[in-house]
Amino acid sequence: MTQVYFHCSNTKKVFVDRRGAILDDLAEARDHATRLVRSLTGERSLEDWRDWVLHVSDDQGDELFVVPFTFVLGEPN
């Protein structure tokens, strides 16, 4: 088990995850990241999420992987 953080950014903003989540492995972190992106983009807002990226890092601050929101949302038609 390890503490994993999910930071979101685009070219103008950064949302820092200060709480993180305790997860068992990278597969669980990937699933959590996908749910987080869907949760953020599912809320009603004027935000265009296509240029956002989710940065997943461990408790040492090392980036484990990134998830472009378009990877979860799909490319616009």
Protein backbone atom coordinates (compact mmCIF):
# COMPACT_ATOMS: atom_id res chain seq x y z
CA MET A 1 0.00 0.00 0.00
CA THR A 2 1.20 3.48 -0.82
CA GLN A 3 -0.07 7.03 -0.68
CA VAL A 4 -0.83 8.32 -4.18
CA TYR A 5 -1.65 11.91 -5.19
CA PHE A 6 -3.71 13.08 -8.15
CA HIS A 7 -2.82 16.61 -9.34
CA CYS A 8 -4.69 18.21 -12.25
CA SER A 9 -3.31 20.89 -14.52
CA ASN A 10 -3.66 22.71 -17.79
CA THR A 11 -1.64 25.62 -19.16
CA LYS A 12 -3.40 28.13 -16.87
CA LYS A 13 -4.34 26.30 -13.66
CA VAL A 14 -3.11 23.64 -11.27
CA PHE A 15 -5.19 21.76 -8.71
CA VAL A 16 -2.97 20.13 -6.08
CA ASP A 17 -4.23 17.04 -4.29
CA ARG A 18 -3.11 17.42 -0.68
CA ARG A 19 -4.97 14.38 0.69
CA GLY A 20 -4.18 11.65 -1.80
CA ALA A 21 -5.43 8.10 -1.50
CA ILE A 22 -3.93 4.92 -0.10
CA LEU A 23 -3.87 2.36 -2.91
CA ASP A 24 -2.49 -1.14 -3.37
CA ASP A 25 -0.90 -0.92 -6.82
CA LEU A 26 -0.66 0.92 -10.14
CA ALA A 27 -3.77 -0.76 -11.53
CA GLU A 28 -5.82 0.58 -8.64
CA ALA A 29 -4.22 4.02 -9.11
CA ARG A 30 -5.14 3.95 -12.82
CA ASP A 31 -8.75 3.04 -12.02
CA HIS A 32 -8.94 5.78 -9.39
CA ALA A 33 -7.50 8.30 -11.87
CA THR A 34 -10.13 7.37 -14.47
CA ARG A 35 -12.94 7.74 -11.93
CA LEU A 36 -11.56 11.11 -10.83
CA VAL A 37 -11.43 12.45 -14.40
CA ARG A 38 -15.00 11.25 -15.03
CA SER A 39 -16.16 12.83 -11.78
CA LEU A 40 -14.58 16.20 -12.55
CA THR A 41 -15.83 16.33 -16.13
CA GLY A 42 -19.28 15.07 -15.21
CA GLU A 43 -20.05 18.13 -13.11
CA ARG A 44 -21.86 21.01 -14.78
CA SER A 45 -19.36 23.73 -15.52
CA LEU A 46 -18.15 25.95 -18.29
CA GLU A 47 -14.67 24.43 -18.06
CA ASP A 48 -13.27 22.92 -21.25
CA TRP A 49 -11.48 19.86 -19.87
CA ARG A 50 -9.83 18.74 -23.13
CA ASP A 51 -6.46 20.35 -22.36
CA TRP A 52 -6.28 19.08 -18.76
CA VAL A 53 -3.89 16.37 -17.56
CA LEU A 54 -4.01 14.32 -14.36
CA HIS A 55 -0.55 13.80 -12.83
CA VAL A 56 -0.32 10.78 -10.55
CA SER A 57 2.56 10.81 -8.07
CA ASP A 58 3.71 8.84 -5.04
CA ASP A 59 4.39 10.09 -1.52
CA GLN A 60 7.98 10.96 -2.50
CA GLY A 61 6.73 13.32 -5.21
CA ASP A 62 7.84 11.04 -8.05
CA GLU A 63 5.43 11.06 -10.98
CA LEU A 64 4.12 7.56 -11.64
CA PHE A 65 2.12 8.34 -14.78
CA VAL A 66 -0.07 10.98 -16.41
CA VAL A 67 -3.59 10.71 -17.78
CA PRO A 68 -4.64 13.29 -20.36
CA PHE A 69 -8.34 13.96 -19.84
CA THR A 70 -8.91 13.33 -23.55
CA PHE A 71 -7.69 9.76 -22.98
CA VAL A 72 -10.71 9.20 -20.73
CA LEU A 73 -13.16 11.49 -22.51
CA GLY A 74 -12.21 10.64 -26.06
CA GLU A 75 -11.40 13.14 -28.77
CA PRO A 76 -14.13 15.64 -29.69
CA ASN A 77 -16.00 14.95 -32.93
